[in-house]
N, C-alpha and C. Protein backbone atom coordinates (compact mmCIF):
# COMPACT_ATOMS: atom_id res chain seq x y z
N UNK A 1 -78.00 61.46 22.79
CA UNK A 1 -77.02 60.66 22.79
C UNK A 1 -77.48 59.22 22.14
N UNK A 2 -76.70 58.76 21.37
CA UNK A 2 -77.19 57.39 20.82
C UNK A 2 -75.99 56.76 20.25
N UNK A 3 -76.44 55.46 20.27
CA UNK A 3 -75.39 54.40 19.40
C UNK A 3 -75.93 53.87 18.53
N UNK A 4 -75.41 53.68 17.19
CA UNK A 4 -76.05 52.98 16.05
C UNK A 4 -75.76 51.40 16.44
N UNK A 5 -76.76 50.76 15.76
CA UNK A 5 -76.60 49.20 15.74
C UNK A 5 -75.15 48.76 15.58
N UNK A 6 -74.98 47.48 15.84
CA UNK A 6 -73.68 47.10 15.27
C UNK A 6 -73.50 46.82 13.55
N UNK A 7 -72.23 46.76 13.20
CA UNK A 7 -72.13 46.25 11.77
C UNK A 7 -72.23 44.66 11.89
N UNK A 8 -72.28 44.02 10.63
CA UNK A 8 -71.95 42.68 10.60
C UNK A 8 -70.84 42.19 11.07
N UNK A 9 -70.66 41.29 11.57
CA UNK A 9 -69.54 40.58 12.48
C UNK A 9 -68.66 40.02 11.22
N UNK A 10 -67.45 40.12 11.17
CA UNK A 10 -66.41 39.58 10.17
C UNK A 10 -65.08 39.04 10.78
N UNK A 11 -64.67 37.91 10.18
CA UNK A 11 -63.44 37.24 10.97
C UNK A 11 -62.54 37.24 9.93
N UNK A 12 -61.25 37.01 10.56
CA UNK A 12 -60.08 37.00 9.74
C UNK A 12 -59.31 35.88 10.34
N UNK A 13 -58.56 35.07 9.36
CA UNK A 13 -57.63 34.02 10.00
C UNK A 13 -56.36 34.61 9.75
N UNK A 14 -55.37 34.58 10.72
CA UNK A 14 -53.82 34.80 10.30
C UNK A 14 -53.44 33.67 9.67
N UNK A 15 -52.02 34.16 9.02
CA UNK A 15 -51.38 33.08 8.22
C UNK A 15 -50.56 32.23 9.38
N UNK A 16 -50.63 30.85 8.50
CA UNK A 16 -49.82 30.12 9.73
C UNK A 16 -48.41 30.17 9.17
N UNK A 17 -47.48 30.23 10.23
CA UNK A 17 -46.09 30.40 9.83
C UNK A 17 -45.33 29.31 10.80
N UNK A 18 -44.93 28.25 10.03
CA UNK A 18 -44.50 27.04 10.56
C UNK A 18 -43.42 26.49 9.66
N UNK A 19 -42.48 25.81 10.43
CA UNK A 19 -41.19 25.29 9.45
C UNK A 19 -41.99 24.23 8.82
N UNK A 20 -41.08 24.11 7.58
CA UNK A 20 -41.53 22.71 6.74
C UNK A 20 -41.32 21.37 7.64
N UNK A 21 -41.95 20.28 7.21
CA UNK A 21 -42.11 19.17 8.38
C UNK A 21 -41.44 18.19 7.46
N UNK A 22 -41.00 17.17 8.23
CA UNK A 22 -40.88 15.57 7.75
C UNK A 22 -39.92 15.86 6.40
N UNK A 23 -38.87 16.79 6.92
CA UNK A 23 -37.94 16.87 5.69
C UNK A 23 -36.99 15.76 5.38
N UNK A 24 -36.85 15.13 3.97
CA UNK A 24 -36.08 14.22 3.84
C UNK A 24 -35.01 14.44 2.80
N UNK A 25 -33.97 14.07 2.65
CA UNK A 25 -33.02 13.82 1.69
C UNK A 25 -32.67 12.41 1.03
N UNK A 26 -32.56 12.17 -0.20
CA UNK A 26 -32.45 10.91 -0.60
C UNK A 26 -31.49 10.88 -1.90
N UNK A 27 -30.45 10.23 -1.87
CA UNK A 27 -29.65 10.13 -3.10
C UNK A 27 -30.24 9.07 -4.00
N UNK A 28 -30.43 9.55 -5.30
CA UNK A 28 -30.99 8.67 -6.06
C UNK A 28 -29.94 8.31 -7.26
N UNK A 29 -29.15 8.84 -7.58
CA UNK A 29 -27.84 8.64 -8.52
C UNK A 29 -26.58 8.89 -7.92
N UNK A 30 -25.51 8.99 -8.69
CA UNK A 30 -24.25 9.42 -8.43
C UNK A 30 -24.08 10.94 -8.18
N UNK A 31 -24.86 11.61 -8.85
CA UNK A 31 -25.03 13.20 -8.99
C UNK A 31 -26.13 13.65 -8.22
N UNK A 32 -27.19 13.07 -7.96
CA UNK A 32 -28.53 13.83 -7.57
C UNK A 32 -28.94 13.18 -6.37
N UNK A 33 -29.50 14.22 -5.54
CA UNK A 33 -30.23 13.88 -4.53
C UNK A 33 -31.61 14.44 -4.32
N UNK A 34 -32.56 13.62 -4.03
CA UNK A 34 -33.89 14.34 -4.17
C UNK A 34 -34.54 14.57 -2.62
N UNK A 35 -34.87 16.03 -2.65
CA UNK A 35 -35.39 16.45 -1.45
C UNK A 35 -37.21 16.31 -1.17
N UNK A 36 -37.50 16.25 -0.02
CA UNK A 36 -39.00 16.40 0.15
C UNK A 36 -39.35 16.71 1.48
N UNK A 37 -40.52 17.44 1.55
CA UNK A 37 -40.86 17.97 2.69
C UNK A 37 -42.37 18.33 2.92
N UNK A 38 -42.99 18.51 3.85
CA UNK A 38 -44.34 18.96 4.18
C UNK A 38 -44.65 20.63 4.35
N UNK A 39 -45.21 21.03 3.40
CA UNK A 39 -45.65 22.35 3.52
C UNK A 39 -46.55 22.78 4.43
N UNK A 40 -45.99 23.41 5.60
CA UNK A 40 -46.74 23.81 6.77
C UNK A 40 -47.29 25.47 6.93
N UNK A 41 -46.96 26.08 5.92
CA UNK A 41 -47.57 27.50 5.80
C UNK A 41 -48.65 27.65 4.73
N UNK A 42 -49.16 28.75 4.77
CA UNK A 42 -50.28 28.90 3.95
C UNK A 42 -50.11 29.86 2.85
N UNK A 43 -49.27 31.02 3.07
CA UNK A 43 -49.15 32.05 2.22
C UNK A 43 -47.67 32.45 1.91
N UNK A 44 -46.86 31.59 1.68
CA UNK A 44 -45.43 31.85 1.82
C UNK A 44 -45.07 32.19 0.25
N UNK A 45 -44.10 33.01 0.16
CA UNK A 45 -43.47 33.22 -1.30
C UNK A 45 -42.82 32.27 -1.95
N UNK A 46 -42.02 31.40 -0.86
CA UNK A 46 -41.29 30.21 -1.51
C UNK A 46 -40.68 29.45 -0.46
N UNK A 47 -39.47 28.81 -0.69
CA UNK A 47 -38.89 28.02 0.36
C UNK A 47 -37.50 28.16 0.02
N UNK A 48 -36.49 28.47 0.99
CA UNK A 48 -35.13 28.60 0.69
C UNK A 48 -34.35 27.36 1.30
N UNK A 49 -33.56 26.64 0.19
CA UNK A 49 -33.00 25.41 0.47
C UNK A 49 -31.59 25.65 0.72
N UNK A 50 -31.09 25.17 1.87
CA UNK A 50 -29.57 25.11 2.14
C UNK A 50 -29.06 23.79 2.29
N UNK A 51 -27.55 23.93 1.81
CA UNK A 51 -26.97 22.66 1.78
C UNK A 51 -25.57 22.75 2.20
N UNK A 52 -24.85 21.60 3.12
CA UNK A 52 -23.50 21.56 3.46
C UNK A 52 -23.07 20.16 3.15
N UNK A 53 -21.64 20.18 2.93
CA UNK A 53 -20.91 18.93 2.53
C UNK A 53 -19.87 18.44 3.47
N UNK A 54 -20.19 16.87 3.46
CA UNK A 54 -19.19 16.28 4.60
C UNK A 54 -19.96 15.87 5.74
N UNK A 55 -19.43 14.69 6.41
CA UNK A 55 -20.00 14.06 7.57
C UNK A 55 -19.99 15.24 8.60
N UNK A 56 -21.10 15.33 9.26
CA UNK A 56 -21.15 16.36 10.41
C UNK A 56 -20.91 17.71 10.17
N UNK A 57 -21.22 18.16 8.71
CA UNK A 57 -21.02 19.64 8.42
C UNK A 57 -22.02 20.43 8.94
N UNK A 58 -21.65 21.79 9.21
CA UNK A 58 -22.68 22.42 9.66
C UNK A 58 -22.49 23.85 8.99
N UNK A 59 -21.80 24.27 7.80
CA UNK A 59 -21.70 25.31 7.15
C UNK A 59 -22.44 25.57 6.21
N UNK A 60 -23.80 25.67 6.50
CA UNK A 60 -24.85 25.44 5.27
C UNK A 60 -24.96 26.91 4.57
N UNK A 61 -24.97 26.82 3.09
CA UNK A 61 -25.18 27.85 2.27
C UNK A 61 -26.29 27.73 1.59
N UNK A 62 -27.14 28.79 1.08
CA UNK A 62 -28.35 28.78 0.30
C UNK A 62 -27.89 28.17 -1.06
N UNK A 63 -28.70 27.05 -1.64
CA UNK A 63 -28.24 26.88 -2.77
C UNK A 63 -29.29 27.22 -4.06
N UNK A 64 -30.78 27.50 -3.60
CA UNK A 64 -31.83 27.94 -4.53
C UNK A 64 -33.08 27.80 -3.57
N UNK A 65 -33.93 28.71 -4.42
CA UNK A 65 -35.34 28.68 -3.67
C UNK A 65 -36.12 27.79 -4.38
N UNK A 66 -37.30 27.32 -3.85
CA UNK A 66 -38.44 26.67 -4.53
C UNK A 66 -39.62 27.46 -4.33
N UNK A 67 -40.50 27.38 -5.55
CA UNK A 67 -41.83 28.18 -5.43
C UNK A 67 -42.90 27.81 -4.20
N UNK A 68 -43.66 28.85 -4.03
CA UNK A 68 -44.80 28.51 -3.20
C UNK A 68 -45.37 27.39 -3.29
N UNK A 69 -45.83 26.53 -2.41
CA UNK A 69 -46.38 25.37 -2.11
C UNK A 69 -45.58 24.12 -2.63
N UNK A 70 -44.44 24.55 -2.87
CA UNK A 70 -43.50 23.12 -3.47
C UNK A 70 -43.14 22.48 -2.27
N UNK A 71 -43.12 20.83 -2.67
CA UNK A 71 -42.84 20.05 -1.52
C UNK A 71 -41.69 19.18 -1.96
N UNK A 72 -41.15 19.53 -2.93
CA UNK A 72 -39.97 18.27 -3.51
C UNK A 72 -39.04 19.24 -4.51
N UNK A 73 -37.76 18.97 -4.51
CA UNK A 73 -36.64 19.63 -4.93
C UNK A 73 -35.53 18.43 -5.42
N UNK A 74 -35.25 18.53 -6.76
CA UNK A 74 -34.00 17.57 -7.05
C UNK A 74 -32.65 18.55 -7.32
N UNK A 75 -31.58 18.07 -6.32
CA UNK A 75 -30.56 18.77 -6.57
C UNK A 75 -29.53 18.01 -7.39
N UNK A 76 -29.01 18.57 -8.44
CA UNK A 76 -28.44 17.64 -9.31
C UNK A 76 -26.74 18.19 -9.56
N UNK A 77 -26.24 17.80 -10.40
CA UNK A 77 -24.77 18.11 -10.56
C UNK A 77 -23.78 17.79 -9.13
N UNK A 78 -24.26 17.04 -8.55
CA UNK A 78 -23.40 16.54 -7.07
C UNK A 78 -22.14 15.71 -7.57
N UNK A 79 -21.24 15.62 -6.74
CA UNK A 79 -20.04 14.92 -6.61
C UNK A 79 -20.50 13.63 -6.03
N UNK A 80 -20.03 12.07 -7.05
CA UNK A 80 -20.31 11.04 -6.34
C UNK A 80 -19.59 10.64 -5.14
N UNK A 81 -20.13 9.77 -4.37
CA UNK A 81 -19.63 9.30 -2.97
C UNK A 81 -19.12 10.44 -2.05
N UNK A 82 -20.15 11.65 -1.91
CA UNK A 82 -20.19 12.63 -1.06
C UNK A 82 -21.33 12.92 -0.19
N UNK A 83 -21.10 13.13 1.05
CA UNK A 83 -22.23 13.12 2.03
C UNK A 83 -22.79 14.52 2.01
N UNK A 84 -23.86 14.73 1.72
CA UNK A 84 -24.78 16.00 1.64
C UNK A 84 -25.85 16.32 2.70
N UNK A 85 -25.82 17.39 3.55
CA UNK A 85 -26.75 17.48 4.10
C UNK A 85 -27.78 18.99 3.82
N UNK A 86 -28.89 18.83 4.26
CA UNK A 86 -29.83 19.97 3.56
C UNK A 86 -30.72 20.18 4.70
N UNK A 87 -31.47 21.38 4.71
CA UNK A 87 -32.30 21.97 5.36
C UNK A 87 -33.37 23.02 4.55
N UNK A 88 -34.45 23.34 5.10
CA UNK A 88 -35.16 23.95 4.40
C UNK A 88 -36.10 24.99 5.20
N UNK A 89 -36.44 26.15 4.96
CA UNK A 89 -37.37 26.87 5.51
C UNK A 89 -38.32 27.64 4.47
N UNK A 90 -39.63 27.96 4.89
CA UNK A 90 -40.40 28.84 4.23
C UNK A 90 -39.77 30.25 4.32
N UNK A 91 -40.17 31.31 3.25
CA UNK A 91 -40.23 32.53 3.43
C UNK A 91 -41.35 33.35 2.60
N UNK A 92 -41.58 34.70 3.27
CA UNK A 92 -42.49 35.53 2.58
C UNK A 92 -42.01 36.87 2.05
N UNK A 93 -41.73 37.44 1.10
CA UNK A 93 -41.23 38.66 0.54
C UNK A 93 -42.47 39.43 0.72
N UNK A 94 -42.44 40.52 1.53
CA UNK A 94 -43.33 41.59 1.82
C UNK A 94 -43.05 42.85 2.80
N UNK A 95 -43.83 43.47 2.81
CA UNK A 95 -43.37 44.74 3.63
C UNK A 95 -43.00 44.36 5.01
N UNK A 96 -43.73 43.62 5.60
CA UNK A 96 -43.72 42.54 6.87
C UNK A 96 -43.21 41.27 6.36
N UNK A 97 -42.11 41.08 5.83
CA UNK A 97 -41.76 39.56 5.31
C UNK A 97 -41.06 38.96 6.62
N UNK A 98 -41.20 37.39 6.33
CA UNK A 98 -40.71 36.50 7.42
C UNK A 98 -39.76 35.44 6.68
N UNK A 99 -39.28 34.85 7.57
CA UNK A 99 -38.73 33.43 7.44
C UNK A 99 -39.13 32.48 8.59
N UNK A 100 -39.50 31.19 8.22
CA UNK A 100 -39.70 30.16 9.48
C UNK A 100 -38.59 29.78 10.00
N UNK A 101 -38.67 29.04 11.25
CA UNK A 101 -37.34 28.28 11.37
C UNK A 101 -37.26 27.32 10.37
N UNK A 102 -35.89 26.75 10.63
CA UNK A 102 -35.62 25.71 9.54
C UNK A 102 -36.06 24.64 9.89
N UNK A 103 -36.43 23.33 8.92
CA UNK A 103 -36.98 22.19 9.08
C UNK A 103 -35.95 21.41 9.97
N UNK A 104 -36.14 19.97 10.20
CA UNK A 104 -35.00 19.20 10.50
C UNK A 104 -33.97 19.17 9.55
N UNK A 105 -32.74 18.62 9.84
CA UNK A 105 -31.66 18.54 8.92
C UNK A 105 -31.78 17.06 8.06
N UNK A 106 -31.54 16.78 7.23
CA UNK A 106 -31.28 15.44 6.52
C UNK A 106 -30.15 15.25 5.69
N UNK A 107 -29.47 13.93 5.60
CA UNK A 107 -28.43 13.82 4.98
C UNK A 107 -28.30 12.58 4.11
N UNK A 108 -27.50 12.43 2.93
CA UNK A 108 -27.42 11.06 2.45
C UNK A 108 -26.02 11.24 1.41
N UNK A 109 -25.64 10.43 1.17
CA UNK A 109 -24.34 10.16 0.43
C UNK A 109 -24.72 9.58 -0.94
N UNK A 110 -24.27 10.28 -2.15
CA UNK A 110 -24.52 10.07 -3.31
C UNK A 110 -23.83 8.75 -3.72
N UNK A 111 -24.18 7.93 -4.88
CA UNK A 111 -23.92 6.73 -5.11
C UNK A 111 -22.40 6.88 -5.63
N UNK A 112 -21.60 5.64 -5.55
CA UNK A 112 -20.41 5.52 -6.28
C UNK A 112 -20.56 5.99 -7.67
N UNK A 113 -19.42 6.68 -8.38
CA UNK A 113 -19.35 7.07 -9.83
C UNK A 113 -19.63 6.20 -10.61
N UNK A 114 -20.31 6.36 -11.66
CA UNK A 114 -20.69 5.39 -12.79
C UNK A 114 -19.46 5.12 -13.56
N UNK A 115 -19.47 3.85 -14.15
CA UNK A 115 -18.42 3.78 -14.90
C UNK A 115 -18.60 4.25 -16.50
N UNK A 116 -17.61 4.34 -17.05
CA UNK A 116 -17.72 5.05 -18.47
C UNK A 116 -16.83 4.36 -19.41
N UNK A 117 -16.88 4.76 -20.68
CA UNK A 117 -16.11 4.24 -21.76
C UNK A 117 -16.28 2.73 -22.05
N UNK A 118 -17.45 2.02 -21.69
CA UNK A 118 -17.29 0.65 -21.79
C UNK A 118 -17.13 0.18 -23.32
N UNK A 119 -16.29 -0.85 -23.59
CA UNK A 119 -16.18 -1.32 -24.98
C UNK A 119 -15.97 -2.70 -24.98
N UNK A 120 -16.72 -3.18 -26.05
CA UNK A 120 -16.73 -4.73 -26.41
C UNK A 120 -16.11 -5.27 -27.61
N UNK A 121 -15.07 -6.05 -27.72
CA UNK A 121 -14.31 -6.30 -28.77
C UNK A 121 -14.31 -7.92 -28.71
N UNK A 122 -14.67 -8.27 -30.06
CA UNK A 122 -14.61 -9.85 -30.11
C UNK A 122 -13.18 -10.20 -30.23
N UNK A 123 -12.75 -11.22 -29.68
CA UNK A 123 -11.48 -11.83 -29.68
C UNK A 123 -11.15 -12.70 -30.85
N UNK A 124 -12.20 -13.87 -30.71
CA UNK A 124 -12.70 -14.50 -31.81
C UNK A 124 -14.02 -15.05 -31.73
N UNK A 125 -14.65 -15.84 -32.52
CA UNK A 125 -15.93 -16.13 -32.86
C UNK A 125 -16.68 -16.68 -31.43
N UNK A 126 -15.90 -16.69 -30.17
CA UNK A 126 -16.39 -17.32 -28.95
C UNK A 126 -16.16 -16.75 -27.68
N UNK A 127 -15.21 -15.24 -28.18
CA UNK A 127 -14.82 -14.88 -26.94
C UNK A 127 -15.03 -13.22 -27.25
N UNK A 128 -15.63 -12.51 -26.17
CA UNK A 128 -15.64 -11.14 -26.29
C UNK A 128 -14.89 -10.39 -25.17
N UNK A 129 -14.04 -9.46 -25.40
CA UNK A 129 -13.34 -8.82 -24.41
C UNK A 129 -14.00 -7.52 -23.99
N UNK A 130 -14.41 -7.24 -22.75
CA UNK A 130 -15.09 -6.04 -22.45
C UNK A 130 -14.02 -5.17 -21.44
N UNK A 131 -14.05 -3.80 -21.63
CA UNK A 131 -13.17 -2.95 -20.92
C UNK A 131 -13.81 -1.70 -20.57
N UNK A 132 -13.63 -0.99 -19.29
CA UNK A 132 -14.37 0.26 -19.08
C UNK A 132 -13.40 1.14 -18.17
N UNK A 133 -13.98 2.38 -18.10
CA UNK A 133 -13.23 3.04 -17.06
C UNK A 133 -13.82 3.15 -15.74
N UNK A 134 -13.04 2.69 -14.83
CA UNK A 134 -13.28 2.59 -13.21
C UNK A 134 -13.31 4.03 -12.56
N UNK A 135 -14.35 4.67 -12.66
CA UNK A 135 -14.45 6.02 -11.80
C UNK A 135 -14.70 6.18 -10.37
N UNK A 136 -15.15 4.88 -9.80
CA UNK A 136 -15.58 5.00 -8.48
C UNK A 136 -14.25 4.73 -7.71
N UNK A 137 -14.29 5.41 -6.27
CA UNK A 137 -13.40 5.25 -5.26
C UNK A 137 -13.78 4.37 -4.08
N UNK A 138 -15.07 4.13 -3.96
CA UNK A 138 -15.64 3.34 -2.78
C UNK A 138 -16.81 2.22 -3.19
N UNK A 139 -16.77 1.79 -4.36
CA UNK A 139 -17.78 0.79 -5.03
C UNK A 139 -17.31 -0.73 -4.18
N UNK A 140 -18.22 -1.21 -4.00
CA UNK A 140 -18.17 -2.45 -3.47
C UNK A 140 -17.44 -3.49 -4.55
N UNK A 141 -18.02 -3.13 -5.79
CA UNK A 141 -17.99 -4.07 -6.85
C UNK A 141 -18.64 -3.58 -8.35
N UNK A 142 -18.76 -4.40 -9.10
CA UNK A 142 -19.33 -4.18 -10.79
C UNK A 142 -20.36 -5.06 -10.83
N UNK A 143 -21.43 -4.77 -11.22
CA UNK A 143 -22.51 -5.67 -12.10
C UNK A 143 -22.38 -5.70 -13.49
N UNK A 144 -22.08 -6.50 -14.08
CA UNK A 144 -22.17 -6.68 -15.74
C UNK A 144 -23.35 -7.25 -16.22
N UNK A 145 -23.83 -6.70 -17.32
CA UNK A 145 -25.04 -7.28 -17.82
C UNK A 145 -25.13 -7.35 -19.23
N UNK A 146 -25.68 -8.41 -19.87
CA UNK A 146 -25.92 -8.52 -21.31
C UNK A 146 -27.35 -8.60 -21.81
N UNK A 147 -27.64 -7.67 -23.17
CA UNK A 147 -29.19 -7.99 -23.53
C UNK A 147 -29.26 -9.23 -23.82
N UNK A 148 -30.62 -9.68 -23.80
CA UNK A 148 -31.12 -11.11 -24.17
C UNK A 148 -32.00 -10.80 -25.11
N UNK A 149 -32.85 -12.28 -25.72
CA UNK A 149 -33.55 -12.13 -27.01
C UNK A 149 -34.87 -11.09 -26.77
N UNK A 150 -35.42 -10.94 -25.49
CA UNK A 150 -36.37 -10.04 -25.58
C UNK A 150 -36.20 -8.42 -25.27
N UNK A 151 -34.88 -8.16 -25.39
CA UNK A 151 -34.54 -6.76 -25.16
C UNK A 151 -34.02 -6.34 -23.62
N UNK A 152 -34.38 -7.22 -22.63
CA UNK A 152 -33.93 -7.01 -21.52
C UNK A 152 -32.43 -7.13 -21.21
N UNK A 153 -31.95 -6.71 -20.09
CA UNK A 153 -30.73 -7.05 -19.62
C UNK A 153 -30.56 -8.04 -18.62
N UNK A 154 -29.78 -8.94 -18.54
CA UNK A 154 -29.44 -9.80 -17.38
C UNK A 154 -28.19 -9.66 -17.12
N UNK A 155 -27.68 -9.88 -15.60
CA UNK A 155 -26.66 -9.95 -14.87
C UNK A 155 -25.95 -11.33 -15.49
N UNK A 156 -24.56 -11.09 -16.00
CA UNK A 156 -23.81 -12.11 -16.13
C UNK A 156 -22.77 -12.29 -15.23
N UNK A 157 -22.36 -11.30 -14.45
CA UNK A 157 -21.16 -11.20 -13.67
C UNK A 157 -21.15 -10.47 -12.61
N UNK A 158 -20.52 -10.61 -11.66
CA UNK A 158 -20.45 -9.60 -10.43
C UNK A 158 -18.98 -9.50 -10.23
N UNK A 159 -18.35 -8.63 -10.21
CA UNK A 159 -16.97 -8.30 -10.03
C UNK A 159 -16.54 -7.63 -9.03
N UNK A 160 -15.15 -7.65 -8.69
CA UNK A 160 -14.66 -7.18 -7.31
C UNK A 160 -14.44 -5.57 -7.62
N UNK A 161 -14.34 -4.74 -6.49
CA UNK A 161 -13.94 -3.20 -6.46
C UNK A 161 -12.77 -3.20 -7.27
N UNK A 162 -12.70 -1.91 -8.16
CA UNK A 162 -11.67 -1.70 -9.09
C UNK A 162 -11.52 -2.46 -10.21
N UNK A 163 -12.65 -3.52 -10.41
CA UNK A 163 -12.50 -4.06 -11.76
C UNK A 163 -12.55 -3.06 -13.08
N UNK A 164 -12.00 -3.50 -14.12
CA UNK A 164 -12.27 -2.57 -15.08
C UNK A 164 -12.23 -3.43 -16.55
N UNK A 165 -12.33 -4.71 -16.45
CA UNK A 165 -12.45 -5.70 -17.41
C UNK A 165 -13.00 -7.02 -17.18
N UNK A 166 -13.62 -7.61 -18.32
CA UNK A 166 -14.09 -8.82 -18.07
C UNK A 166 -14.04 -9.68 -19.42
N UNK A 167 -13.87 -10.88 -19.56
CA UNK A 167 -13.74 -11.74 -20.68
C UNK A 167 -14.94 -12.46 -20.67
N UNK A 168 -15.91 -12.43 -21.72
CA UNK A 168 -17.03 -13.04 -21.59
C UNK A 168 -17.02 -14.34 -22.84
N UNK A 169 -17.01 -15.59 -22.02
CA UNK A 169 -17.15 -16.99 -22.86
C UNK A 169 -18.19 -17.59 -22.63
N UNK A 170 -19.25 -17.10 -22.30
CA UNK A 170 -20.44 -17.69 -21.68
C UNK A 170 -21.44 -17.96 -22.92
N UNK A 171 -21.63 -19.25 -23.71
CA UNK A 171 -22.50 -19.15 -24.69
C UNK A 171 -22.38 -18.15 -25.79
N UNK A 172 -21.17 -17.76 -25.94
CA UNK A 172 -20.87 -16.83 -27.20
C UNK A 172 -20.90 -17.84 -28.56
N UNK A 173 -21.80 -17.47 -29.28
CA UNK A 173 -21.79 -17.84 -30.72
C UNK A 173 -21.25 -16.86 -31.65
N UNK A 174 -20.53 -17.85 -33.01
CA UNK A 174 -20.43 -16.90 -34.06
C UNK A 174 -21.36 -16.43 -34.95
N UNK A 175 -20.85 -15.32 -35.41
CA UNK A 175 -21.76 -14.29 -36.31
C UNK A 175 -22.85 -13.66 -35.56
N UNK A 176 -22.77 -13.46 -34.18
CA UNK A 176 -23.83 -12.96 -33.55
C UNK A 176 -23.78 -11.41 -32.90
N UNK A 177 -24.79 -10.61 -32.70
CA UNK A 177 -24.41 -9.48 -31.86
C UNK A 177 -24.73 -9.68 -30.41
N UNK A 178 -23.93 -9.03 -29.70
CA UNK A 178 -24.01 -8.84 -28.31
C UNK A 178 -24.00 -7.45 -27.60
N UNK A 179 -24.88 -7.06 -26.71
CA UNK A 179 -24.74 -5.75 -26.31
C UNK A 179 -24.59 -5.81 -24.67
N UNK A 180 -23.91 -5.01 -24.11
CA UNK A 180 -23.48 -4.91 -22.75
C UNK A 180 -23.70 -3.81 -22.29
N UNK A 181 -23.56 -3.73 -20.76
CA UNK A 181 -23.49 -2.44 -19.85
C UNK A 181 -23.06 -2.85 -18.44
N UNK A 182 -22.46 -1.67 -17.68
CA UNK A 182 -22.10 -2.20 -16.56
C UNK A 182 -22.24 -1.22 -15.46
N UNK A 183 -22.31 -1.47 -14.25
CA UNK A 183 -22.82 -0.49 -13.20
C UNK A 183 -21.70 -0.80 -11.97
N UNK A 184 -21.57 0.40 -11.23
CA UNK A 184 -20.94 -0.05 -9.87
C UNK A 184 -21.90 -0.16 -8.91
N UNK A 185 -21.71 -0.81 -7.85
CA UNK A 185 -22.70 -0.79 -6.80
C UNK A 185 -21.94 -0.77 -5.30
N UNK A 186 -22.58 -0.11 -4.22
CA UNK A 186 -22.05 -0.06 -3.17
C UNK A 186 -23.38 -0.40 -2.06
N UNK A 187 -23.16 -1.71 -1.23
CA UNK A 187 -24.29 -2.05 -0.59
C UNK A 187 -25.30 -2.14 -1.29
N UNK A 188 -26.56 -1.68 -0.88
CA UNK A 188 -27.86 -1.64 -1.72
C UNK A 188 -27.89 -0.63 -2.80
N UNK A 189 -26.90 0.47 -3.16
CA UNK A 189 -26.84 1.34 -3.95
C UNK A 189 -26.11 1.08 -5.30
N UNK A 190 -26.86 1.39 -6.43
CA UNK A 190 -26.30 1.22 -7.47
C UNK A 190 -25.85 2.45 -8.38
N UNK A 191 -24.91 2.51 -8.99
CA UNK A 191 -24.86 3.82 -9.80
C UNK A 191 -25.49 3.90 -11.13
N UNK A 192 -25.54 4.72 -11.98
CA UNK A 192 -26.08 4.69 -13.14
C UNK A 192 -25.39 3.63 -13.86
N UNK A 193 -26.11 3.42 -15.20
CA UNK A 193 -25.47 2.44 -15.90
C UNK A 193 -24.36 3.17 -16.78
N UNK A 194 -23.17 2.41 -17.42
CA UNK A 194 -22.67 2.89 -18.32
C UNK A 194 -22.98 3.11 -19.68
N UNK A 195 -22.42 3.47 -20.66
CA UNK A 195 -22.81 3.38 -21.84
C UNK A 195 -23.19 1.97 -22.35
N UNK A 196 -23.85 1.86 -23.29
CA UNK A 196 -24.05 0.26 -24.02
C UNK A 196 -23.02 0.05 -24.86
N UNK A 197 -22.37 -1.15 -24.78
CA UNK A 197 -21.32 -1.38 -25.90
C UNK A 197 -21.86 -2.54 -26.69
N UNK A 198 -21.69 -2.68 -27.92
CA UNK A 198 -21.99 -3.65 -28.97
C UNK A 198 -21.01 -4.34 -29.73
N UNK A 199 -20.87 -5.65 -29.62
CA UNK A 199 -20.03 -6.53 -30.47
C UNK A 199 -20.48 -7.60 -31.10
N UNK A 200 -19.90 -7.80 -32.52
CA UNK A 200 -20.47 -8.82 -33.43
C UNK A 200 -19.35 -9.95 -33.59
N UNK A 201 -19.47 -11.11 -33.15
CA UNK A 201 -18.42 -11.94 -33.23
C UNK A 201 -18.26 -12.29 -34.88
N UNK A 202 -17.29 -12.64 -35.26
CA UNK A 202 -16.98 -13.10 -36.60
C UNK A 202 -17.27 -14.50 -36.76
N UNK A 203 -17.07 -15.01 -38.00
CA UNK A 203 -17.11 -16.40 -38.62
C UNK A 203 -16.42 -17.35 -37.71
N UNK A 204 -16.80 -18.60 -37.39
CA UNK A 204 -15.94 -19.43 -36.79
C UNK A 204 -14.75 -19.76 -37.77
N UNK A 205 -13.57 -20.02 -37.11
CA UNK A 205 -12.41 -20.28 -37.68
C UNK A 205 -11.80 -21.59 -37.05
N UNK A 206 -11.14 -22.39 -37.65
CA UNK A 206 -10.45 -23.67 -36.92
C UNK A 206 -9.91 -23.14 -35.82
N UNK A 207 -10.00 -23.74 -34.80
CA UNK A 207 -9.10 -23.23 -33.66
C UNK A 207 -9.51 -22.37 -32.55
N UNK A 208 -10.69 -21.80 -32.99
CA UNK A 208 -11.64 -20.75 -32.10
C UNK A 208 -12.04 -21.64 -30.93
N UNK A 209 -11.96 -21.13 -29.57
CA UNK A 209 -12.32 -21.49 -28.52
C UNK A 209 -12.34 -20.52 -27.40
N UNK A 210 -12.85 -20.96 -26.26
CA UNK A 210 -12.63 -20.08 -25.02
C UNK A 210 -11.41 -20.05 -24.50
N UNK A 211 -10.73 -20.91 -24.98
CA UNK A 211 -9.21 -20.69 -24.27
C UNK A 211 -8.36 -20.01 -25.55
N UNK A 212 -7.59 -18.68 -25.38
CA UNK A 212 -7.17 -18.16 -26.31
C UNK A 212 -6.07 -17.52 -25.73
């Protein structure tokens, strides 16, 4: 009777199966929310992302999957001024596949809807009339900007909620071109800008003034 000597020793490390950590949802426009998390697993197939809508919602549905080792996702095509909540879990597709428990939940509200159809129309050589479509329902107001000599835009007016027009009489000169844009704001959140609208003032005519 005899026993052989032992083989070499070998070690193996089992997979880490842990929920994603530090999950956060942050609205960045009126139709987009960015998600981020910590990848706490070692051999996942990917991540399952779920979403629900409304304050205090709990009816989550899976909206997409992200690849293995992903730690971010941008959810686009959302509705302005809606509160969206999210959660994520890692999963593995295999004979003995698995899902981790869910991450923490995180919610944020998309920004107020961006204004559209901005137009700029010269009234005379010293006045430009601006009009746009107010698409927002919960904005605090609007910020109107004009482009200056170096190509940058500067704010020339802060307007009340539901504003959809403005008459610019500030340093308007004959036969010059002016370019404008406008956006809604709610607290510290700003919607994307509207289209840019350009107007060229006509030559001065006797009687032209900022009173019209």
